Amino acid sequence: MRGALVHISLSSILDPQERQRLQAIPTGLTIPYEDVDQLVSSGEHLVQQNETIRGLISDLGGPAVAVAVQARPRLAPK
């Protein structure tokens, strides 16, 4: 079995406006729900498109990387 250290970063987002908006989200204990959703979605996309991860899955005999993004129940604001 092979392993790899994979660096996933918002700086890899190709769209400069989306990248700048996401990088500008302050870290803290409270982040608006729509920002959390966008960060999660962007992270999933970066993982799905990462060539190293795709290669590891292929080496393990797994299917092509096609992760279905499922809608998550949204938490009601408090």
N, C-alpha and C. Protein backbone atom coordinates (compact mmCIF):
# COMPACT_ATOMS: atom_id res chain seq x y z
N MET A 1 0.85 -1.17 0.00
CA MET A 1 0.00 0.00 0.00
C MET A 1 0.90 1.23 0.00
N ARG A 2 0.48 2.23 -0.70
CA ARG A 2 1.26 3.46 -0.80
C ARG A 2 0.49 4.59 -0.14
N GLY A 3 1.19 5.54 0.33
CA GLY A 3 0.56 6.71 0.94
C GLY A 3 1.21 7.98 0.41
N ALA A 4 0.59 9.07 0.69
CA ALA A 4 1.14 10.36 0.24
C ALA A 4 0.63 11.46 1.15
N LEU A 5 1.46 12.46 1.33
CA LEU A 5 1.05 13.66 2.04
C LEU A 5 0.55 14.63 0.97
N VAL A 6 -0.69 15.04 1.11
CA VAL A 6 -1.31 15.91 0.10
C VAL A 6 -1.64 17.25 0.75
N HIS A 7 -1.19 18.31 0.12
CA HIS A 7 -1.47 19.66 0.60
C HIS A 7 -2.65 20.21 -0.19
N ILE A 8 -3.74 20.51 0.49
CA ILE A 8 -4.92 21.11 -0.12
C ILE A 8 -5.02 22.53 0.42
N SER A 9 -5.15 23.50 -0.48
CA SER A 9 -5.16 24.89 -0.05
C SER A 9 -6.15 25.71 -0.87
N LEU A 10 -6.76 26.68 -0.21
CA LEU A 10 -7.65 27.59 -0.94
C LEU A 10 -6.88 28.35 -2.02
N SER A 11 -5.58 28.46 -1.88
CA SER A 11 -4.80 29.15 -2.90
C SER A 11 -4.79 28.39 -4.22
N SER A 12 -5.25 27.14 -4.22
CA SER A 12 -5.33 26.34 -5.45
C SER A 12 -6.60 26.61 -6.25
N ILE A 13 -7.53 27.37 -5.68
CA ILE A 13 -8.78 27.67 -6.39
C ILE A 13 -8.45 28.57 -7.57
N LEU A 14 -8.87 28.16 -8.75
CA LEU A 14 -8.51 28.88 -9.96
C LEU A 14 -9.21 30.22 -10.12
N ASP A 15 -10.46 30.31 -9.74
CA ASP A 15 -11.22 31.55 -9.89
C ASP A 15 -10.70 32.57 -8.87
N PRO A 16 -10.07 33.68 -9.34
CA PRO A 16 -9.47 34.62 -8.39
C PRO A 16 -10.47 35.29 -7.46
N GLN A 17 -11.67 35.57 -7.93
CA GLN A 17 -12.67 36.21 -7.06
C GLN A 17 -13.14 35.25 -5.98
N GLU A 18 -13.40 34.00 -6.35
CA GLU A 18 -13.83 33.01 -5.36
C GLU A 18 -12.70 32.77 -4.35
N ARG A 19 -11.46 32.63 -4.85
CA ARG A 19 -10.31 32.39 -3.97
C ARG A 19 -10.16 33.53 -2.96
N GLN A 20 -10.21 34.77 -3.43
CA GLN A 20 -10.05 35.91 -2.53
C GLN A 20 -11.18 35.99 -1.51
N ARG A 21 -12.42 35.72 -1.95
CA ARG A 21 -13.55 35.77 -1.02
C ARG A 21 -13.40 34.72 0.07
N LEU A 22 -13.03 33.50 -0.30
CA LEU A 22 -12.90 32.44 0.69
C LEU A 22 -11.71 32.69 1.62
N GLN A 23 -10.62 33.20 1.09
CA GLN A 23 -9.45 33.47 1.92
C GLN A 23 -9.70 34.64 2.88
N ALA A 24 -10.66 35.47 2.57
CA ALA A 24 -10.97 36.62 3.42
C ALA A 24 -11.92 36.28 4.57
N ILE A 25 -12.48 35.07 4.58
CA ILE A 25 -13.38 34.68 5.67
C ILE A 25 -12.55 34.55 6.95
N PRO A 26 -12.91 35.32 7.97
CA PRO A 26 -12.13 35.24 9.21
C PRO A 26 -12.37 33.91 9.91
N THR A 27 -11.32 33.41 10.54
CA THR A 27 -11.49 32.19 11.32
C THR A 27 -11.96 32.58 12.71
N GLY A 28 -12.81 31.80 13.26
CA GLY A 28 -13.33 32.10 14.59
C GLY A 28 -14.35 31.05 14.97
N LEU A 29 -14.97 31.27 16.08
CA LEU A 29 -15.95 30.31 16.57
C LEU A 29 -17.28 30.40 15.83
N THR A 30 -17.53 31.52 15.20
CA THR A 30 -18.77 31.67 14.44
C THR A 30 -18.45 32.11 13.02
N ILE A 31 -18.95 31.35 12.09
CA ILE A 31 -18.82 31.67 10.67
C ILE A 31 -20.22 31.54 10.08
N PRO A 32 -20.65 32.50 9.27
CA PRO A 32 -21.99 32.41 8.68
C PRO A 32 -22.18 31.09 7.91
N TYR A 33 -23.39 30.55 8.00
CA TYR A 33 -23.69 29.26 7.38
C TYR A 33 -23.33 29.22 5.91
N GLU A 34 -23.64 30.29 5.18
CA GLU A 34 -23.35 30.28 3.74
C GLU A 34 -21.84 30.23 3.48
N ASP A 35 -21.04 30.83 4.35
CA ASP A 35 -19.59 30.74 4.20
C ASP A 35 -19.10 29.33 4.49
N VAL A 36 -19.66 28.70 5.51
CA VAL A 36 -19.30 27.31 5.82
C VAL A 36 -19.63 26.42 4.64
N ASP A 37 -20.82 26.57 4.09
CA ASP A 37 -21.22 25.76 2.93
C ASP A 37 -20.26 25.95 1.77
N GLN A 38 -19.86 27.20 1.49
CA GLN A 38 -18.95 27.47 0.37
C GLN A 38 -17.56 26.91 0.64
N LEU A 39 -17.08 27.02 1.86
CA LEU A 39 -15.78 26.46 2.20
C LEU A 39 -15.77 24.94 2.05
N VAL A 40 -16.81 24.29 2.53
CA VAL A 40 -16.91 22.83 2.43
C VAL A 40 -16.98 22.41 0.97
N SER A 41 -17.81 23.09 0.20
CA SER A 41 -17.96 22.76 -1.22
C SER A 41 -16.64 22.94 -1.96
N SER A 42 -15.94 24.02 -1.70
CA SER A 42 -14.65 24.27 -2.36
C SER A 42 -13.62 23.23 -1.95
N GLY A 43 -13.61 22.86 -0.68
CA GLY A 43 -12.70 21.83 -0.21
C GLY A 43 -12.96 20.49 -0.86
N GLU A 44 -14.22 20.12 -0.98
CA GLU A 44 -14.58 18.86 -1.65
C GLU A 44 -14.10 18.88 -3.10
N HIS A 45 -14.30 20.01 -3.77
CA HIS A 45 -13.88 20.12 -5.16
C HIS A 45 -12.36 19.99 -5.29
N LEU A 46 -11.62 20.65 -4.40
CA LEU A 46 -10.16 20.55 -4.45
C LEU A 46 -9.68 19.12 -4.22
N VAL A 47 -10.30 18.41 -3.29
CA VAL A 47 -9.93 17.02 -3.03
C VAL A 47 -10.25 16.15 -4.24
N GLN A 48 -11.42 16.34 -4.84
CA GLN A 48 -11.83 15.55 -6.00
C GLN A 48 -10.90 15.76 -7.19
N GLN A 49 -10.37 16.96 -7.34
CA GLN A 49 -9.54 17.28 -8.49
C GLN A 49 -8.04 17.06 -8.26
N ASN A 50 -7.63 16.71 -7.04
CA ASN A 50 -6.22 16.55 -6.72
C ASN A 50 -5.65 15.31 -7.40
N GLU A 51 -4.62 15.52 -8.21
CA GLU A 51 -4.04 14.41 -8.98
C GLU A 51 -3.41 13.34 -8.09
N THR A 52 -2.80 13.74 -6.98
CA THR A 52 -2.19 12.76 -6.08
C THR A 52 -3.26 11.86 -5.47
N ILE A 53 -4.35 12.45 -5.02
CA ILE A 53 -5.44 11.65 -4.44
C ILE A 53 -6.05 10.75 -5.50
N ARG A 54 -6.25 11.27 -6.69
CA ARG A 54 -6.80 10.45 -7.78
C ARG A 54 -5.88 9.26 -8.06
N GLY A 55 -4.56 9.51 -8.04
CA GLY A 55 -3.60 8.43 -8.29
C GLY A 55 -3.63 7.38 -7.19
N LEU A 56 -3.74 7.82 -5.94
CA LEU A 56 -3.82 6.86 -4.83
C LEU A 56 -5.05 5.98 -4.96
N ILE A 57 -6.18 6.57 -5.29
CA ILE A 57 -7.41 5.80 -5.44
C ILE A 57 -7.27 4.82 -6.60
N SER A 58 -6.67 5.26 -7.68
CA SER A 58 -6.46 4.39 -8.84
C SER A 58 -5.54 3.23 -8.48
N ASP A 59 -4.45 3.52 -7.74
CA ASP A 59 -3.52 2.47 -7.32
C ASP A 59 -4.19 1.43 -6.43
N LEU A 60 -5.20 1.86 -5.68
CA LEU A 60 -5.91 0.93 -4.80
C LEU A 60 -6.99 0.16 -5.54
N GLY A 61 -7.11 0.42 -6.83
CA GLY A 61 -8.11 -0.28 -7.63
C GLY A 61 -9.50 0.29 -7.45
N GLY A 62 -9.57 1.49 -6.92
CA GLY A 62 -10.86 2.12 -6.69
C GLY A 62 -11.43 2.70 -7.96
N PRO A 63 -12.68 3.09 -7.91
CA PRO A 63 -13.31 3.71 -9.07
C PRO A 63 -12.74 5.10 -9.31
N ALA A 64 -13.01 5.62 -10.46
CA ALA A 64 -12.59 6.99 -10.76
C ALA A 64 -13.16 7.91 -9.69
N VAL A 65 -12.43 8.95 -9.37
CA VAL A 65 -12.87 9.86 -8.33
C VAL A 65 -14.08 10.63 -8.81
N ALA A 66 -15.20 10.34 -8.22
CA ALA A 66 -16.44 11.05 -8.52
C ALA A 66 -17.25 11.04 -7.24
N VAL A 67 -16.93 11.94 -6.38
CA VAL A 67 -17.59 12.00 -5.08
C VAL A 67 -18.87 12.81 -5.24
N ALA A 68 -19.98 12.21 -4.88
CA ALA A 68 -21.25 12.92 -4.94
C ALA A 68 -21.37 13.80 -3.71
N VAL A 69 -21.63 15.03 -3.95
CA VAL A 69 -21.82 15.96 -2.85
C VAL A 69 -23.28 15.91 -2.44
N GLN A 70 -23.51 15.51 -1.21
CA GLN A 70 -24.88 15.40 -0.72
C GLN A 70 -25.24 16.67 0.05
N ALA A 71 -26.47 17.06 -0.12
CA ALA A 71 -26.94 18.23 0.63
C ALA A 71 -26.91 17.90 2.11
N ARG A 72 -26.42 18.81 2.89
CA ARG A 72 -26.39 18.63 4.33
C ARG A 72 -27.55 19.40 4.95
N PRO A 73 -28.13 18.84 5.98
CA PRO A 73 -29.18 19.62 6.64
C PRO A 73 -28.57 20.86 7.25
N ARG A 74 -29.21 21.96 7.04
CA ARG A 74 -28.72 23.21 7.58
C ARG A 74 -29.18 23.39 9.01
N LEU A 75 -28.31 23.89 9.83
CA LEU A 75 -28.66 24.16 11.21
C LEU A 75 -29.43 25.47 11.28
N ALA A 76 -30.40 25.50 12.11
CA ALA A 76 -31.17 26.74 12.28
C ALA A 76 -30.32 27.74 13.04
N PRO A 77 -30.27 28.97 12.58
CA PRO A 77 -29.50 30.00 13.33
C PRO A 77 -30.08 30.15 14.73
N LYS A 78 -29.19 30.40 15.67
CA LYS A 78 -29.64 30.56 17.08
C LYS A 78 -29.88 32.00 17.37
